[in-house]
Structures are given as C-alpha cells and as structure tokens.
Amino acid sequence: MGTDFIRCAAKSFVKRWDHGRRMLGTADLFTRQPNSTTATAPFELGRLVSLQPGDTVTVEKLGQCLVARSGLSEVGRSLNPSVELMRAVDQSCGVAKGTVEQVHSIAGVAEISLC
C-alpha cells in the first residue's frame, strides 16, 4: 500500500535534454577560447648559475630592475623590464613567484615568467 501510493501520487520523471545548454557547449566558427598569457622577460644570469626549465625563483624589484633569486642568492637580473612586469611585481607587494621557461646557457640568459 505504501509504495503503490507513492508511485501513483508522485510525478513521473521525464528525462529531457536542454537544447540551449547543449548548443552553448558546442564549438562553432565564432567560439572564442580563453587564453592566458604570462608575462615573460629575459634575465641575464650570473656566473656559475645553473637553472633548469621548470625551476621556481622569486622575482624582486630593485630600483628600476628586477632581480631573480633562488633562495637567498641572486641568479639573474632584468635591467630593462617592461612596464607590465614591473606593475605585476608591484601588485604582489614587491615580490613575485617566477618560473624558468627556457635557459640559453651560451648567451647566459634565462626566460622567466611571472606566475
């Protein structure tokens, strides 16, 4: 009696597709994919510095240049950074986390992107 009454009294569930939601999720010619770009700058490496792509460093503002540090030791400097890099470091209280993207050992330059 209890389950029969519940089945008769309850609304039946009808599965329907939400066509509008499906169309929003389907890519077409005019679909714009979001892209995120990180600010990347070349840093001149110091002597006897060994960095590998993927290493994390801290980037600090020192006057009009940026200094990359691994721990407490300085590993590189960017003498003429772009305005958006300086702004990004300023917005993170003067110290930003950076990731080494590429290392050009012959030139003594590493490309570091700010996170």
N, C-alpha and C. Protein backbone atom coordinates (compact mmCIF):
# COMPACT_ATOMS: atom_id res chain seq x y z
N MET A 1 0.81 -1.18 0.00
CA MET A 1 0.00 0.00 0.00
C MET A 1 0.87 1.26 0.00
N GLY A 2 1.94 1.28 0.73
CA GLY A 2 2.76 2.47 0.83
C GLY A 2 3.49 2.80 -0.45
N THR A 3 4.16 1.82 -1.06
CA THR A 3 4.91 2.10 -2.28
C THR A 3 4.00 2.33 -3.47
N ASP A 4 2.84 1.64 -3.50
CA ASP A 4 1.90 1.86 -4.61
C ASP A 4 1.34 3.27 -4.55
N PHE A 5 1.05 3.73 -3.35
CA PHE A 5 0.51 5.09 -3.21
C PHE A 5 1.55 6.12 -3.62
N ILE A 6 2.80 5.92 -3.23
CA ILE A 6 3.87 6.88 -3.58
C ILE A 6 4.05 6.92 -5.09
N ARG A 7 4.05 5.78 -5.74
CA ARG A 7 4.22 5.73 -7.19
C ARG A 7 3.07 6.41 -7.92
N CYS A 8 1.88 6.26 -7.42
CA CYS A 8 0.71 6.87 -8.07
C CYS A 8 0.64 8.37 -7.79
N ALA A 9 1.01 8.78 -6.57
CA ALA A 9 0.86 10.18 -6.18
C ALA A 9 2.01 11.06 -6.68
N ALA A 10 3.20 10.49 -6.82
CA ALA A 10 4.36 11.28 -7.22
C ALA A 10 4.33 11.56 -8.72
N LYS A 11 4.90 12.69 -9.09
CA LYS A 11 5.02 13.00 -10.50
C LYS A 11 6.01 12.04 -11.13
N SER A 12 5.75 11.70 -12.32
CA SER A 12 6.70 10.83 -13.01
C SER A 12 7.83 11.69 -13.56
N PHE A 13 9.01 11.15 -13.55
CA PHE A 13 10.19 11.86 -14.02
C PHE A 13 10.33 11.63 -15.51
N VAL A 14 10.39 12.72 -16.25
CA VAL A 14 10.57 12.63 -17.70
C VAL A 14 11.93 13.26 -18.02
N LYS A 15 12.79 12.48 -18.61
CA LYS A 15 14.12 12.95 -18.95
C LYS A 15 14.04 13.76 -20.24
N ARG A 16 14.50 15.00 -20.18
CA ARG A 16 14.50 15.86 -21.35
C ARG A 16 15.88 16.48 -21.49
N TRP A 17 16.24 16.78 -22.69
CA TRP A 17 17.52 17.41 -22.97
C TRP A 17 17.34 18.92 -23.02
N ASP A 18 18.26 19.62 -22.45
CA ASP A 18 18.26 21.07 -22.51
C ASP A 18 19.03 21.48 -23.76
N HIS A 19 18.29 21.77 -24.83
CA HIS A 19 18.93 22.04 -26.12
C HIS A 19 19.75 23.33 -26.10
N GLY A 20 19.31 24.32 -25.36
CA GLY A 20 20.06 25.57 -25.28
C GLY A 20 21.41 25.38 -24.62
N ARG A 21 21.45 24.61 -23.56
CA ARG A 21 22.71 24.33 -22.88
C ARG A 21 23.64 23.52 -23.76
N ARG A 22 23.09 22.57 -24.50
CA ARG A 22 23.90 21.77 -25.40
C ARG A 22 24.50 22.63 -26.51
N MET A 23 23.73 23.58 -27.02
CA MET A 23 24.24 24.45 -28.08
C MET A 23 25.33 25.39 -27.56
N LEU A 24 25.21 25.84 -26.31
CA LEU A 24 26.26 26.68 -25.73
C LEU A 24 27.57 25.91 -25.59
N GLY A 25 27.50 24.63 -25.31
CA GLY A 25 28.69 23.82 -25.13
C GLY A 25 29.30 23.31 -26.41
N THR A 26 28.64 23.53 -27.54
CA THR A 26 29.15 23.06 -28.82
C THR A 26 29.93 24.18 -29.49
N ALA A 27 31.18 23.91 -29.86
CA ALA A 27 32.02 24.92 -30.50
C ALA A 27 31.58 25.12 -31.95
N ASP A 28 31.69 26.36 -32.40
CA ASP A 28 31.39 26.66 -33.80
C ASP A 28 32.45 27.62 -34.32
N LEU A 29 32.21 28.22 -35.45
CA LEU A 29 33.17 29.10 -36.08
C LEU A 29 33.49 30.33 -35.24
N PHE A 30 32.53 30.82 -34.48
CA PHE A 30 32.70 32.05 -33.73
C PHE A 30 33.01 31.84 -32.26
N THR A 31 33.29 30.62 -31.84
CA THR A 31 33.62 30.33 -30.45
C THR A 31 35.01 30.89 -30.15
N ARG A 32 35.10 31.64 -29.08
CA ARG A 32 36.38 32.21 -28.66
C ARG A 32 36.86 31.47 -27.43
N GLN A 33 38.01 30.87 -27.52
CA GLN A 33 38.59 30.16 -26.40
C GLN A 33 39.40 31.14 -25.54
N PRO A 34 39.25 31.10 -24.23
CA PRO A 34 40.06 31.98 -23.39
C PRO A 34 41.51 31.54 -23.42
N ASN A 35 42.38 32.52 -23.47
CA ASN A 35 43.80 32.19 -23.44
C ASN A 35 44.44 33.01 -22.33
N SER A 36 45.33 32.38 -21.65
CA SER A 36 46.03 33.07 -20.58
C SER A 36 47.49 33.20 -20.96
N THR A 37 47.98 34.39 -20.90
CA THR A 37 49.39 34.62 -21.20
C THR A 37 50.06 35.12 -19.95
N THR A 38 51.25 34.67 -19.74
CA THR A 38 52.01 35.12 -18.60
C THR A 38 53.09 36.07 -19.09
N ALA A 39 53.43 37.00 -18.26
CA ALA A 39 54.47 37.95 -18.61
C ALA A 39 55.82 37.27 -18.49
N THR A 40 56.59 37.28 -19.58
CA THR A 40 57.90 36.62 -19.62
C THR A 40 58.96 37.65 -19.96
N ALA A 41 60.09 37.57 -19.30
CA ALA A 41 61.18 38.51 -19.56
C ALA A 41 62.51 37.77 -19.53
N PRO A 42 63.49 38.25 -20.31
CA PRO A 42 64.82 37.66 -20.26
C PRO A 42 65.59 38.20 -19.06
N PHE A 43 66.25 37.32 -18.35
CA PHE A 43 67.09 37.69 -17.21
C PHE A 43 68.52 37.27 -17.51
N GLU A 44 69.45 38.18 -17.33
CA GLU A 44 70.86 37.86 -17.51
C GLU A 44 71.32 37.07 -16.30
N LEU A 45 71.89 35.90 -16.55
CA LEU A 45 72.31 35.03 -15.45
C LEU A 45 73.67 35.44 -14.93
N GLY A 46 73.88 35.20 -13.66
CA GLY A 46 75.17 35.45 -13.04
C GLY A 46 76.13 34.30 -13.34
N ARG A 47 77.35 34.45 -12.88
CA ARG A 47 78.36 33.40 -13.09
C ARG A 47 78.04 32.18 -12.24
N LEU A 48 78.36 31.04 -12.76
CA LEU A 48 78.20 29.76 -12.06
C LEU A 48 76.78 29.51 -11.60
N VAL A 49 75.81 29.99 -12.36
CA VAL A 49 74.40 29.76 -12.05
C VAL A 49 73.89 28.63 -12.92
N SER A 50 73.27 27.65 -12.30
CA SER A 50 72.70 26.55 -13.07
C SER A 50 71.20 26.49 -12.80
N LEU A 51 70.45 26.90 -13.79
CA LEU A 51 69.00 26.84 -13.72
C LEU A 51 68.50 25.85 -14.76
N GLN A 52 67.39 25.21 -14.47
CA GLN A 52 66.76 24.28 -15.38
C GLN A 52 65.35 24.77 -15.66
N PRO A 53 64.81 24.50 -16.85
CA PRO A 53 63.41 24.86 -17.12
C PRO A 53 62.48 24.19 -16.11
N GLY A 54 61.58 24.98 -15.55
CA GLY A 54 60.66 24.48 -14.54
C GLY A 54 61.04 24.88 -13.13
N ASP A 55 62.27 25.35 -12.92
CA ASP A 55 62.68 25.80 -11.59
C ASP A 55 61.87 27.03 -11.18
N THR A 56 61.61 27.16 -9.90
CA THR A 56 60.90 28.33 -9.40
C THR A 56 61.89 29.27 -8.73
N VAL A 57 61.69 30.55 -8.95
CA VAL A 57 62.53 31.59 -8.37
C VAL A 57 61.60 32.68 -7.83
N THR A 58 62.15 33.56 -7.01
CA THR A 58 61.41 34.73 -6.59
C THR A 58 61.97 35.92 -7.35
N VAL A 59 61.08 36.80 -7.79
CA VAL A 59 61.47 37.98 -8.55
C VAL A 59 61.13 39.20 -7.70
N GLU A 60 62.16 40.02 -7.45
CA GLU A 60 62.00 41.19 -6.61
C GLU A 60 62.36 42.45 -7.39
N LYS A 61 61.76 43.55 -7.00
CA LYS A 61 62.05 44.84 -7.61
C LYS A 61 63.21 45.47 -6.86
N LEU A 62 64.23 45.92 -7.60
CA LEU A 62 65.38 46.58 -7.01
C LEU A 62 65.67 47.81 -7.85
N GLY A 63 65.13 48.95 -7.42
CA GLY A 63 65.25 50.18 -8.20
C GLY A 63 64.43 50.06 -9.47
N GLN A 64 65.08 50.22 -10.63
CA GLN A 64 64.40 50.12 -11.92
C GLN A 64 64.65 48.78 -12.60
N CYS A 65 65.22 47.82 -11.90
CA CYS A 65 65.45 46.49 -12.50
C CYS A 65 64.79 45.42 -11.62
N LEU A 66 64.69 44.23 -12.18
CA LEU A 66 64.15 43.09 -11.46
C LEU A 66 65.26 42.10 -11.18
N VAL A 67 65.22 41.51 -10.00
CA VAL A 67 66.24 40.55 -9.58
C VAL A 67 65.57 39.21 -9.33
N ALA A 68 66.12 38.16 -9.93
CA ALA A 68 65.62 36.80 -9.70
C ALA A 68 66.51 36.14 -8.66
N ARG A 69 65.88 35.54 -7.66
CA ARG A 69 66.63 34.88 -6.59
C ARG A 69 66.16 33.44 -6.42
N SER A 70 67.11 32.59 -6.17
CA SER A 70 66.84 31.21 -5.81
C SER A 70 67.29 31.06 -4.36
N GLY A 71 66.33 30.99 -3.48
CA GLY A 71 66.66 31.03 -2.05
C GLY A 71 67.07 32.45 -1.71
N LEU A 72 68.28 32.62 -1.15
CA LEU A 72 68.79 33.95 -0.83
C LEU A 72 69.80 34.45 -1.84
N SER A 73 70.23 33.61 -2.75
CA SER A 73 71.26 34.02 -3.70
C SER A 73 70.65 34.55 -5.00
N GLU A 74 71.28 35.57 -5.55
CA GLU A 74 70.82 36.19 -6.78
C GLU A 74 71.27 35.34 -7.96
N VAL A 75 70.33 35.02 -8.85
CA VAL A 75 70.68 34.19 -10.01
C VAL A 75 70.59 34.96 -11.32
N GLY A 76 69.86 36.08 -11.35
CA GLY A 76 69.77 36.83 -12.59
C GLY A 76 69.15 38.20 -12.40
N ARG A 77 69.36 39.06 -13.42
CA ARG A 77 68.81 40.41 -13.39
C ARG A 77 68.19 40.75 -14.73
N SER A 78 67.10 41.48 -14.69
CA SER A 78 66.50 42.04 -15.88
C SER A 78 66.64 43.55 -15.76
N LEU A 79 67.55 44.14 -16.57
CA LEU A 79 67.88 45.55 -16.42
C LEU A 79 66.81 46.48 -16.96
N ASN A 80 66.13 46.09 -18.04
CA ASN A 80 65.10 46.93 -18.64
C ASN A 80 63.80 46.15 -18.77
N PRO A 81 63.12 45.88 -17.65
CA PRO A 81 61.87 45.10 -17.75
C PRO A 81 60.74 45.96 -18.30
N SER A 82 59.73 45.30 -18.82
CA SER A 82 58.58 46.01 -19.36
C SER A 82 57.75 46.61 -18.22
N VAL A 83 56.90 47.53 -18.59
CA VAL A 83 56.06 48.21 -17.60
C VAL A 83 55.09 47.22 -16.94
N GLU A 84 54.55 46.29 -17.73
CA GLU A 84 53.59 45.34 -17.15
C GLU A 84 54.27 44.37 -16.19
N LEU A 85 55.55 44.04 -16.42
CA LEU A 85 56.27 43.20 -15.46
C LEU A 85 56.49 43.95 -14.15
N MET A 86 56.88 45.20 -14.26
CA MET A 86 57.09 45.99 -13.04
C MET A 86 55.78 46.15 -12.28
N ARG A 87 54.68 46.35 -13.00
CA ARG A 87 53.38 46.50 -12.37
C ARG A 87 52.96 45.20 -11.69
N ALA A 88 53.25 44.06 -12.34
CA ALA A 88 52.88 42.77 -11.75
C ALA A 88 53.64 42.52 -10.45
N VAL A 89 54.91 42.89 -10.42
CA VAL A 89 55.70 42.71 -9.20
C VAL A 89 55.22 43.69 -8.13
N ASP A 90 54.91 44.93 -8.51
CA ASP A 90 54.39 45.90 -7.54
C ASP A 90 53.08 45.44 -6.93
N GLN A 91 52.21 44.85 -7.75
CA GLN A 91 50.91 44.41 -7.26
C GLN A 91 51.01 43.22 -6.32
N SER A 92 52.13 42.50 -6.37
CA SER A 92 52.30 41.37 -5.45
C SER A 92 53.24 41.74 -4.31
N CYS A 93 53.15 43.00 -3.87
CA CYS A 93 53.89 43.51 -2.71
C CYS A 93 55.40 43.50 -2.91
N GLY A 94 55.86 43.65 -4.14
CA GLY A 94 57.30 43.76 -4.41
C GLY A 94 58.02 42.45 -4.64
N VAL A 95 57.37 41.34 -4.39
CA VAL A 95 57.99 40.02 -4.59
C VAL A 95 57.00 39.13 -5.32
N ALA A 96 57.45 38.53 -6.44
CA ALA A 96 56.57 37.66 -7.22
C ALA A 96 57.24 36.31 -7.43
N LYS A 97 56.43 35.31 -7.65
CA LYS A 97 56.93 33.97 -7.92
C LYS A 97 57.14 33.84 -9.43
N GLY A 98 58.30 33.33 -9.82
CA GLY A 98 58.61 33.17 -11.23
C GLY A 98 58.97 31.73 -11.55
N THR A 99 58.77 31.36 -12.81
CA THR A 99 59.10 30.03 -13.29
C THR A 99 60.06 30.16 -14.46
N VAL A 100 61.13 29.39 -14.44
CA VAL A 100 62.10 29.42 -15.53
C VAL A 100 61.50 28.66 -16.71
N GLU A 101 61.31 29.36 -17.83
CA GLU A 101 60.73 28.75 -19.02
C GLU A 101 61.81 28.14 -19.91
N GLN A 102 62.84 28.91 -20.21
CA GLN A 102 63.94 28.43 -21.06
C GLN A 102 65.25 28.97 -20.52
N VAL A 103 66.32 28.22 -20.74
CA VAL A 103 67.65 28.65 -20.35
C VAL A 103 68.54 28.59 -21.58
N HIS A 104 69.17 29.72 -21.90
CA HIS A 104 70.11 29.80 -23.01
C HIS A 104 71.50 29.95 -22.39
N SER A 105 72.16 28.82 -22.17
CA SER A 105 73.41 28.83 -21.42
C SER A 105 74.54 29.51 -22.17
N ILE A 106 74.56 29.42 -23.50
CA ILE A 106 75.63 30.05 -24.26
C ILE A 106 75.53 31.57 -24.16
N ALA A 107 74.32 32.09 -24.22
CA ALA A 107 74.11 33.53 -24.11
C ALA A 107 74.10 34.01 -22.66
N GLY A 108 73.91 33.10 -21.72
CA GLY A 108 73.84 33.48 -20.31
C GLY A 108 72.54 34.17 -19.96
N VAL A 109 71.45 33.72 -20.61
CA VAL A 109 70.14 34.34 -20.42
C VAL A 109 69.12 33.26 -20.11
N ALA A 110 68.20 33.57 -19.21
CA ALA A 110 67.09 32.68 -18.90
C ALA A 110 65.80 33.45 -19.06
N GLU A 111 64.79 32.82 -19.64
CA GLU A 111 63.47 33.43 -19.77
C GLU A 111 62.64 33.00 -18.57
N ILE A 112 62.20 33.98 -17.80
CA ILE A 112 61.46 33.71 -16.58
C ILE A 112 60.08 34.34 -16.71
N SER A 113 59.05 33.55 -16.42
CA SER A 113 57.67 34.06 -16.47
C SER A 113 57.16 34.22 -15.05
N LEU A 114 56.36 35.26 -14.86
CA LEU A 114 55.78 35.50 -13.54
C LEU A 114 54.47 34.77 -13.41
N CYS A 115 54.25 34.17 -12.27
CA CYS A 115 53.02 33.40 -12.02
C CYS A 115 51.94 34.30 -11.50
